[in-house]
Amino acid sequence: MASGRLGSGAVTGSYTSGSPGGSTSWNTIYPVPTNTYSVFNVSFTNTNATSVQIKLAVASTATPATNEQLEYNTTIVGYGVFERTGLVADTGKQICVSASTSGVYANVYGIETSTQ
């Protein structure tokens, strides 16, 4: 059973800001392991001087459906942070992120619990 930082990375996925239904490139920063469920928080850090928009999804695949998105075009001010807490995901789910520009980083903190 793991605890602490479960996944992290640069938000390399990208999309055209303010473009509903537009093309979005996602990256998975944490896949929930087999035979576990996870309780976690996701924290975004914007290292840019200007605002950015982010997307966050808990999805069945690396390409989330619209109804799997928890945050959609959420704005983070320059040098700001955004955190989503109290999330739970079961085996096989992927935590996927995207941002309107580079310079955004995401971390997943929490615990994994065995289902066996």
N, C-alpha and C. Protein backbone atom coordinates (compact mmCIF):
# COMPACT_ATOMS: atom_id res chain seq x y z
N MET A 1 0.85 -1.18 0.00
CA MET A 1 0.00 0.00 0.00
C MET A 1 0.89 1.24 0.00
N ALA A 2 0.72 2.06 -1.00
CA ALA A 2 1.50 3.29 -1.11
C ALA A 2 0.76 4.45 -0.47
N SER A 3 1.52 5.43 0.00
CA SER A 3 0.94 6.66 0.48
C SER A 3 1.92 7.79 0.21
N GLY A 4 1.44 9.01 0.28
CA GLY A 4 2.28 10.17 -0.04
C GLY A 4 2.02 10.62 -1.45
N ARG A 5 3.08 10.98 -2.18
CA ARG A 5 2.91 11.43 -3.56
C ARG A 5 2.78 10.21 -4.45
N LEU A 6 1.63 10.08 -5.09
CA LEU A 6 1.33 8.93 -5.93
C LEU A 6 1.72 9.16 -7.39
N GLY A 7 1.74 10.40 -7.82
CA GLY A 7 2.10 10.73 -9.20
C GLY A 7 2.34 12.21 -9.34
N SER A 8 3.14 12.59 -10.34
CA SER A 8 3.40 14.00 -10.57
C SER A 8 3.97 14.20 -11.96
N GLY A 9 3.99 15.43 -12.40
CA GLY A 9 4.62 15.74 -13.66
C GLY A 9 4.16 17.04 -14.26
N ALA A 10 4.88 17.42 -15.32
CA ALA A 10 4.48 18.60 -16.08
C ALA A 10 3.19 18.28 -16.80
N VAL A 11 2.31 19.25 -16.87
CA VAL A 11 1.05 19.06 -17.59
C VAL A 11 1.34 19.33 -19.06
N THR A 12 1.74 18.27 -19.76
CA THR A 12 2.17 18.41 -21.15
C THR A 12 1.02 18.34 -22.13
N GLY A 13 -0.13 17.83 -21.68
CA GLY A 13 -1.30 17.86 -22.54
C GLY A 13 -1.69 19.31 -22.78
N SER A 14 -2.34 19.59 -23.89
CA SER A 14 -2.69 20.97 -24.16
C SER A 14 -4.00 21.05 -24.93
N TYR A 15 -4.59 22.22 -24.92
CA TYR A 15 -5.83 22.45 -25.66
C TYR A 15 -5.94 23.93 -25.94
N THR A 16 -6.84 24.28 -26.81
CA THR A 16 -7.08 25.68 -27.11
C THR A 16 -8.00 26.24 -26.03
N SER A 17 -7.51 27.19 -25.29
CA SER A 17 -8.26 27.78 -24.18
C SER A 17 -9.61 28.33 -24.65
N GLY A 18 -10.65 28.05 -23.86
CA GLY A 18 -11.98 28.56 -24.15
C GLY A 18 -12.64 27.94 -25.37
N SER A 19 -12.20 26.74 -25.72
CA SER A 19 -12.70 26.09 -26.93
C SER A 19 -13.49 24.83 -26.58
N PRO A 20 -14.72 24.98 -26.11
CA PRO A 20 -15.51 23.80 -25.75
C PRO A 20 -15.64 22.86 -26.95
N GLY A 21 -15.44 21.58 -26.68
CA GLY A 21 -15.56 20.60 -27.75
C GLY A 21 -14.35 20.57 -28.66
N GLY A 22 -13.39 21.45 -28.42
CA GLY A 22 -12.19 21.48 -29.25
C GLY A 22 -11.26 20.33 -28.92
N SER A 23 -10.22 20.20 -29.68
CA SER A 23 -9.26 19.12 -29.50
C SER A 23 -8.49 19.32 -28.20
N THR A 24 -8.41 18.28 -27.41
CA THR A 24 -7.65 18.31 -26.16
C THR A 24 -6.65 17.17 -26.15
N SER A 25 -5.43 17.47 -25.79
CA SER A 25 -4.39 16.47 -25.62
C SER A 25 -4.20 16.29 -24.12
N TRP A 26 -4.36 15.07 -23.64
CA TRP A 26 -4.30 14.77 -22.21
C TRP A 26 -3.00 14.06 -21.87
N ASN A 27 -2.59 14.14 -20.60
CA ASN A 27 -1.58 13.22 -20.11
C ASN A 27 -2.03 12.65 -18.77
N THR A 28 -1.72 11.38 -18.58
CA THR A 28 -2.08 10.67 -17.35
C THR A 28 -0.96 10.85 -16.35
N ILE A 29 -1.26 11.41 -15.19
CA ILE A 29 -0.22 11.59 -14.17
C ILE A 29 -0.28 10.51 -13.09
N TYR A 30 -1.39 9.75 -13.06
CA TYR A 30 -1.49 8.67 -12.08
C TYR A 30 -2.55 7.67 -12.49
N PRO A 31 -2.15 6.42 -12.74
CA PRO A 31 -3.12 5.35 -12.97
C PRO A 31 -3.32 4.57 -11.66
N VAL A 32 -4.56 4.33 -11.29
CA VAL A 32 -4.83 3.56 -10.07
C VAL A 32 -4.43 2.10 -10.32
N PRO A 33 -3.55 1.54 -9.48
CA PRO A 33 -3.07 0.17 -9.70
C PRO A 33 -4.17 -0.89 -9.57
N THR A 34 -3.89 -2.05 -10.12
CA THR A 34 -4.79 -3.19 -10.05
C THR A 34 -5.03 -3.58 -8.59
N ASN A 35 -6.24 -3.99 -8.29
CA ASN A 35 -6.64 -4.46 -6.96
C ASN A 35 -6.50 -3.42 -5.86
N THR A 36 -6.66 -2.17 -6.20
CA THR A 36 -6.63 -1.10 -5.20
C THR A 36 -7.68 -0.04 -5.52
N TYR A 37 -7.95 0.78 -4.54
CA TYR A 37 -8.64 2.04 -4.79
C TYR A 37 -7.79 3.11 -4.12
N SER A 38 -7.92 4.34 -4.57
CA SER A 38 -7.10 5.43 -4.06
C SER A 38 -7.98 6.58 -3.57
N VAL A 39 -7.54 7.18 -2.48
CA VAL A 39 -8.14 8.40 -1.95
C VAL A 39 -7.05 9.45 -2.07
N PHE A 40 -7.35 10.56 -2.76
CA PHE A 40 -6.26 11.46 -3.13
C PHE A 40 -6.71 12.89 -3.34
N ASN A 41 -5.72 13.77 -3.45
CA ASN A 41 -5.88 15.18 -3.80
C ASN A 41 -5.04 15.43 -5.04
N VAL A 42 -5.44 16.38 -5.88
CA VAL A 42 -4.65 16.78 -7.03
C VAL A 42 -4.36 18.27 -6.88
N SER A 43 -3.08 18.62 -6.98
CA SER A 43 -2.64 20.00 -6.86
C SER A 43 -1.97 20.45 -8.15
N PHE A 44 -2.39 21.61 -8.67
CA PHE A 44 -1.79 22.21 -9.87
C PHE A 44 -1.00 23.44 -9.45
N THR A 45 0.16 23.66 -10.06
CA THR A 45 0.96 24.86 -9.83
C THR A 45 1.21 25.53 -11.17
N ASN A 46 0.88 26.81 -11.26
CA ASN A 46 1.12 27.60 -12.46
C ASN A 46 2.40 28.40 -12.26
N THR A 47 3.45 28.09 -13.03
CA THR A 47 4.72 28.82 -12.89
C THR A 47 4.83 29.99 -13.87
N ASN A 48 3.73 30.31 -14.53
CA ASN A 48 3.69 31.42 -15.48
C ASN A 48 3.23 32.70 -14.78
N ALA A 49 3.63 33.85 -15.31
CA ALA A 49 3.19 35.14 -14.78
C ALA A 49 1.74 35.44 -15.17
N THR A 50 1.25 34.75 -16.19
CA THR A 50 -0.11 34.98 -16.67
C THR A 50 -1.02 33.81 -16.30
N SER A 51 -2.30 34.04 -16.35
CA SER A 51 -3.29 33.00 -16.04
C SER A 51 -3.27 31.89 -17.08
N VAL A 52 -3.63 30.68 -16.63
CA VAL A 52 -3.77 29.53 -17.52
C VAL A 52 -5.09 28.85 -17.18
N GLN A 53 -5.54 28.01 -18.09
CA GLN A 53 -6.72 27.20 -17.82
C GLN A 53 -6.31 25.74 -17.79
N ILE A 54 -6.95 24.98 -16.89
CA ILE A 54 -6.61 23.56 -16.75
C ILE A 54 -7.88 22.71 -16.87
N LYS A 55 -7.64 21.44 -17.14
CA LYS A 55 -8.70 20.44 -17.10
C LYS A 55 -8.20 19.27 -16.25
N LEU A 56 -9.12 18.63 -15.55
CA LEU A 56 -8.82 17.47 -14.70
C LEU A 56 -9.92 16.44 -14.90
N ALA A 57 -9.52 15.18 -15.07
CA ALA A 57 -10.51 14.11 -15.25
C ALA A 57 -10.07 12.86 -14.50
N VAL A 58 -11.04 12.12 -14.00
CA VAL A 58 -10.85 10.77 -13.49
C VAL A 58 -11.55 9.89 -14.52
N ALA A 59 -10.76 9.16 -15.30
CA ALA A 59 -11.30 8.53 -16.50
C ALA A 59 -10.97 7.05 -16.61
N SER A 60 -11.72 6.38 -17.45
CA SER A 60 -11.50 4.96 -17.72
C SER A 60 -10.38 4.75 -18.74
N THR A 61 -10.10 5.78 -19.54
CA THR A 61 -9.04 5.70 -20.55
C THR A 61 -8.20 6.96 -20.49
N ALA A 62 -7.12 6.99 -21.27
CA ALA A 62 -6.24 8.16 -21.31
C ALA A 62 -6.85 9.32 -22.09
N THR A 63 -8.01 9.09 -22.69
CA THR A 63 -8.74 10.13 -23.40
C THR A 63 -10.12 10.27 -22.75
N PRO A 64 -10.23 11.11 -21.73
CA PRO A 64 -11.48 11.22 -20.97
C PRO A 64 -12.66 11.71 -21.79
N ALA A 65 -13.81 11.15 -21.48
CA ALA A 65 -15.06 11.65 -22.05
C ALA A 65 -15.44 12.93 -21.31
N THR A 66 -16.28 13.72 -21.90
CA THR A 66 -16.70 14.98 -21.28
C THR A 66 -17.29 14.76 -19.89
N ASN A 67 -18.07 13.69 -19.72
CA ASN A 67 -18.71 13.45 -18.42
C ASN A 67 -17.75 12.92 -17.35
N GLU A 68 -16.48 12.68 -17.70
CA GLU A 68 -15.48 12.24 -16.73
C GLU A 68 -14.63 13.40 -16.23
N GLN A 69 -14.85 14.59 -16.76
CA GLN A 69 -14.05 15.75 -16.38
C GLN A 69 -14.59 16.40 -15.11
N LEU A 70 -13.68 16.59 -14.15
CA LEU A 70 -14.05 17.24 -12.88
C LEU A 70 -13.83 18.74 -12.94
N GLU A 71 -12.84 19.16 -13.69
CA GLU A 71 -12.55 20.58 -13.90
C GLU A 71 -12.45 20.79 -15.40
N TYR A 72 -13.09 21.87 -15.88
CA TYR A 72 -13.13 22.14 -17.31
C TYR A 72 -12.88 23.63 -17.53
N ASN A 73 -11.73 23.96 -18.11
CA ASN A 73 -11.34 25.36 -18.35
C ASN A 73 -11.32 26.19 -17.06
N THR A 74 -10.86 25.57 -15.98
CA THR A 74 -10.72 26.26 -14.70
C THR A 74 -9.47 27.14 -14.76
N THR A 75 -9.60 28.40 -14.36
CA THR A 75 -8.50 29.37 -14.45
C THR A 75 -7.65 29.35 -13.18
N ILE A 76 -6.34 29.33 -13.38
CA ILE A 76 -5.37 29.50 -12.29
C ILE A 76 -4.62 30.79 -12.59
N VAL A 77 -4.62 31.72 -11.66
CA VAL A 77 -3.95 33.01 -11.85
C VAL A 77 -2.44 32.80 -11.98
N GLY A 78 -1.75 33.82 -12.46
CA GLY A 78 -0.30 33.76 -12.58
C GLY A 78 0.36 33.42 -11.26
N TYR A 79 1.29 32.49 -11.30
CA TYR A 79 2.01 32.00 -10.12
C TYR A 79 1.08 31.43 -9.05
N GLY A 80 -0.11 31.02 -9.44
CA GLY A 80 -1.10 30.52 -8.49
C GLY A 80 -1.13 29.00 -8.42
N VAL A 81 -1.93 28.52 -7.47
CA VAL A 81 -2.14 27.09 -7.30
C VAL A 81 -3.63 26.80 -7.27
N PHE A 82 -3.96 25.57 -7.59
CA PHE A 82 -5.34 25.09 -7.53
C PHE A 82 -5.29 23.67 -7.00
N GLU A 83 -6.17 23.34 -6.05
CA GLU A 83 -6.18 21.99 -5.50
C GLU A 83 -7.60 21.46 -5.45
N ARG A 84 -7.74 20.21 -5.84
CA ARG A 84 -9.02 19.48 -5.75
C ARG A 84 -8.79 18.36 -4.75
N THR A 85 -9.60 18.31 -3.69
CA THR A 85 -9.35 17.37 -2.59
C THR A 85 -10.49 16.36 -2.44
N GLY A 86 -10.20 15.32 -1.68
CA GLY A 86 -11.21 14.33 -1.32
C GLY A 86 -11.70 13.46 -2.46
N LEU A 87 -10.84 13.19 -3.43
CA LEU A 87 -11.23 12.37 -4.58
C LEU A 87 -10.99 10.89 -4.29
N VAL A 88 -11.81 10.04 -4.87
CA VAL A 88 -11.67 8.59 -4.74
C VAL A 88 -11.80 7.97 -6.12
N ALA A 89 -10.91 7.02 -6.43
CA ALA A 89 -10.98 6.33 -7.72
C ALA A 89 -10.65 4.86 -7.52
N ASP A 90 -11.30 4.01 -8.32
CA ASP A 90 -11.09 2.57 -8.18
C ASP A 90 -10.11 2.06 -9.24
N THR A 91 -9.82 0.77 -9.14
CA THR A 91 -8.90 0.09 -10.04
C THR A 91 -9.15 0.46 -11.50
N GLY A 92 -8.06 0.75 -12.20
CA GLY A 92 -8.15 1.01 -13.63
C GLY A 92 -8.45 2.43 -14.02
N LYS A 93 -8.81 3.29 -13.07
CA LYS A 93 -9.06 4.69 -13.41
C LYS A 93 -7.73 5.42 -13.61
N GLN A 94 -7.77 6.45 -14.43
CA GLN A 94 -6.59 7.26 -14.70
C GLN A 94 -6.87 8.71 -14.35
N ILE A 95 -5.90 9.34 -13.70
CA ILE A 95 -6.01 10.76 -13.38
C ILE A 95 -5.34 11.50 -14.52
N CYS A 96 -6.15 12.22 -15.30
CA CYS A 96 -5.68 12.87 -16.53
C CYS A 96 -5.76 14.39 -16.37
N VAL A 97 -4.75 15.09 -16.91
CA VAL A 97 -4.69 16.54 -16.81
C VAL A 97 -4.34 17.15 -18.16
N SER A 98 -4.69 18.42 -18.30
CA SER A 98 -4.37 19.18 -19.50
C SER A 98 -4.33 20.66 -19.11
N ALA A 99 -3.57 21.45 -19.88
CA ALA A 99 -3.48 22.89 -19.62
C ALA A 99 -3.42 23.66 -20.93
N SER A 100 -3.80 24.93 -20.85
CA SER A 100 -3.83 25.76 -22.05
C SER A 100 -2.45 26.20 -22.51
N THR A 101 -1.42 26.00 -21.67
CA THR A 101 -0.05 26.35 -22.03
C THR A 101 0.91 25.53 -21.17
N SER A 102 2.19 25.56 -21.50
CA SER A 102 3.18 24.85 -20.70
C SER A 102 3.47 25.65 -19.43
N GLY A 103 4.29 25.09 -18.54
CA GLY A 103 4.62 25.76 -17.29
C GLY A 103 3.65 25.46 -16.17
N VAL A 104 2.83 24.41 -16.35
CA VAL A 104 1.87 23.99 -15.33
C VAL A 104 2.28 22.59 -14.87
N TYR A 105 2.28 22.37 -13.56
CA TYR A 105 2.69 21.08 -12.99
C TYR A 105 1.58 20.56 -12.09
N ALA A 106 1.44 19.24 -12.05
CA ALA A 106 0.40 18.62 -11.23
C ALA A 106 1.00 17.54 -10.35
N ASN A 107 0.45 17.41 -9.15
CA ASN A 107 0.85 16.37 -8.20
C ASN A 107 -0.38 15.70 -7.65
N VAL A 108 -0.29 14.38 -7.48
CA VAL A 108 -1.35 13.60 -6.85
C VAL A 108 -0.81 13.09 -5.52
N TYR A 109 -1.50 13.44 -4.43
CA TYR A 109 -1.13 13.01 -3.08
C TYR A 109 -2.27 12.20 -2.48
N GLY A 110 -1.93 11.09 -1.82
CA GLY A 110 -2.98 10.32 -1.19
C GLY A 110 -2.51 8.95 -0.75
N ILE A 111 -3.48 8.01 -0.68
CA ILE A 111 -3.17 6.65 -0.26
C ILE A 111 -3.81 5.66 -1.22
N GLU A 112 -3.19 4.50 -1.33
CA GLU A 112 -3.75 3.37 -2.07
C GLU A 112 -4.15 2.30 -1.06
N THR A 113 -5.32 1.72 -1.24
CA THR A 113 -5.82 0.69 -0.34
C THR A 113 -6.17 -0.56 -1.14
N SER A 114 -5.73 -1.71 -0.64
CA SER A 114 -5.99 -2.97 -1.33
C SER A 114 -7.46 -3.33 -1.28
N THR A 115 -7.96 -3.90 -2.37
CA THR A 115 -9.35 -4.36 -2.40
C THR A 115 -9.42 -5.87 -2.16
N GLN A 116 -8.31 -6.49 -1.84
CA GLN A 116 -8.29 -7.95 -1.62
C GLN A 116 -8.04 -8.27 -0.17
